[in-house]
Amino acid sequence: MIKEHLDPGRAYALGDFVARCERALEIASDRVRAKYGFPCSIARAERVEIRRRAEAYEDREGAEVKVIAFIE
């Protein structure tokens, strides 16, 4: 669950944020694989999107992502 990897109100260095998201989505995909025999395509797509968006800020020293809240 993503809530186990990110805290609302906290700012993360860009690389740390991406790594935490990728790890959480990998765990989620592995759970789907264990249950259904194939990885989660939604988790995979989300990882790609997070990486794509992060690339736009990689050259900015000190880039951070602040987690505002989780939508439930």
Protein backbone atom coordinates (compact mmCIF):
# COMPACT_ATOMS: atom_id res chain seq x y z
CA MET A 1 0.00 0.00 0.00
CA ILE A 2 1.38 3.41 -0.97
CA LYS A 3 0.50 4.79 2.47
CA GLU A 4 3.20 2.56 3.94
CA HIS A 5 5.83 4.31 1.82
CA LEU A 6 4.80 7.99 1.84
CA ASP A 7 3.60 10.33 4.57
CA PRO A 8 1.15 13.21 3.99
CA GLY A 9 2.70 16.58 4.75
CA ARG A 10 6.24 15.35 4.10
CA ALA A 11 8.51 16.53 1.29
CA TYR A 12 10.76 13.96 -0.39
CA ALA A 13 13.81 14.49 -2.54
CA LEU A 14 12.76 13.69 -6.10
CA GLY A 15 14.87 10.54 -6.36
CA ASP A 16 13.67 9.26 -3.00
CA PHE A 17 10.05 9.92 -3.96
CA VAL A 18 10.43 8.03 -7.24
CA ALA A 19 12.18 5.11 -5.50
CA ARG A 20 9.49 4.88 -2.80
CA CYS A 21 6.71 4.94 -5.40
CA GLU A 22 8.43 2.33 -7.54
CA ARG A 23 8.93 0.04 -4.54
CA ALA A 24 5.30 0.39 -3.42
CA LEU A 25 4.00 -0.24 -6.93
CA GLU A 26 6.33 -3.23 -7.34
CA ILE A 27 4.93 -4.75 -4.15
CA ALA A 28 1.37 -4.14 -5.36
CA SER A 29 2.14 -5.72 -8.72
CA ASP A 30 3.75 -8.72 -7.03
CA ARG A 31 0.57 -9.21 -4.96
CA VAL A 32 -1.49 -9.27 -8.14
CA ARG A 33 0.98 -11.71 -9.72
CA ALA A 34 0.74 -14.01 -6.70
CA LYS A 35 -3.05 -14.00 -6.82
CA TYR A 36 -3.74 -14.01 -10.57
CA GLY A 37 -0.52 -15.21 -12.17
CA PHE A 38 0.36 -11.96 -13.98
CA PRO A 39 1.65 -8.55 -12.86
CA CYS A 40 -0.58 -5.52 -12.43
CA SER A 41 -0.62 -3.47 -15.62
CA ILE A 42 -2.01 -0.43 -13.78
CA ALA A 43 0.93 -0.43 -11.36
CA ARG A 44 3.34 -0.77 -14.26
CA ALA A 45 1.73 2.15 -16.11
CA GLU A 46 1.80 4.30 -12.99
CA ARG A 47 5.53 3.61 -12.51
CA VAL A 48 6.19 4.71 -16.09
CA GLU A 49 4.14 7.88 -15.61
CA ILE A 50 5.90 8.80 -12.34
CA ARG A 51 9.31 8.30 -13.97
CA ARG A 52 8.25 10.34 -17.02
CA ARG A 53 7.06 13.27 -14.94
CA ALA A 54 10.12 13.14 -12.66
CA GLU A 55 12.46 13.40 -15.66
CA ALA A 56 11.27 16.96 -16.26
CA TYR A 57 12.72 17.99 -12.86
CA GLU A 58 15.84 15.82 -12.61
CA ASP A 59 18.15 18.68 -13.60
CA ARG A 60 16.82 20.94 -10.83
CA GLU A 61 19.07 20.78 -7.81
CA GLY A 62 17.12 20.10 -4.64
CA ALA A 63 13.92 19.11 -6.45
CA GLU A 64 11.34 17.78 -4.00
CA VAL A 65 7.86 16.33 -4.08
CA LYS A 66 5.54 17.15 -1.21
CA VAL A 67 2.78 14.69 -0.43
CA ILE A 68 -0.28 16.79 0.42
CA ALA A 69 -2.84 14.08 1.17
CA PHE A 70 -4.20 10.76 -0.05
CA ILE A 71 -7.49 10.75 -1.90
CA GLU A 72 -9.73 8.02 -0.57
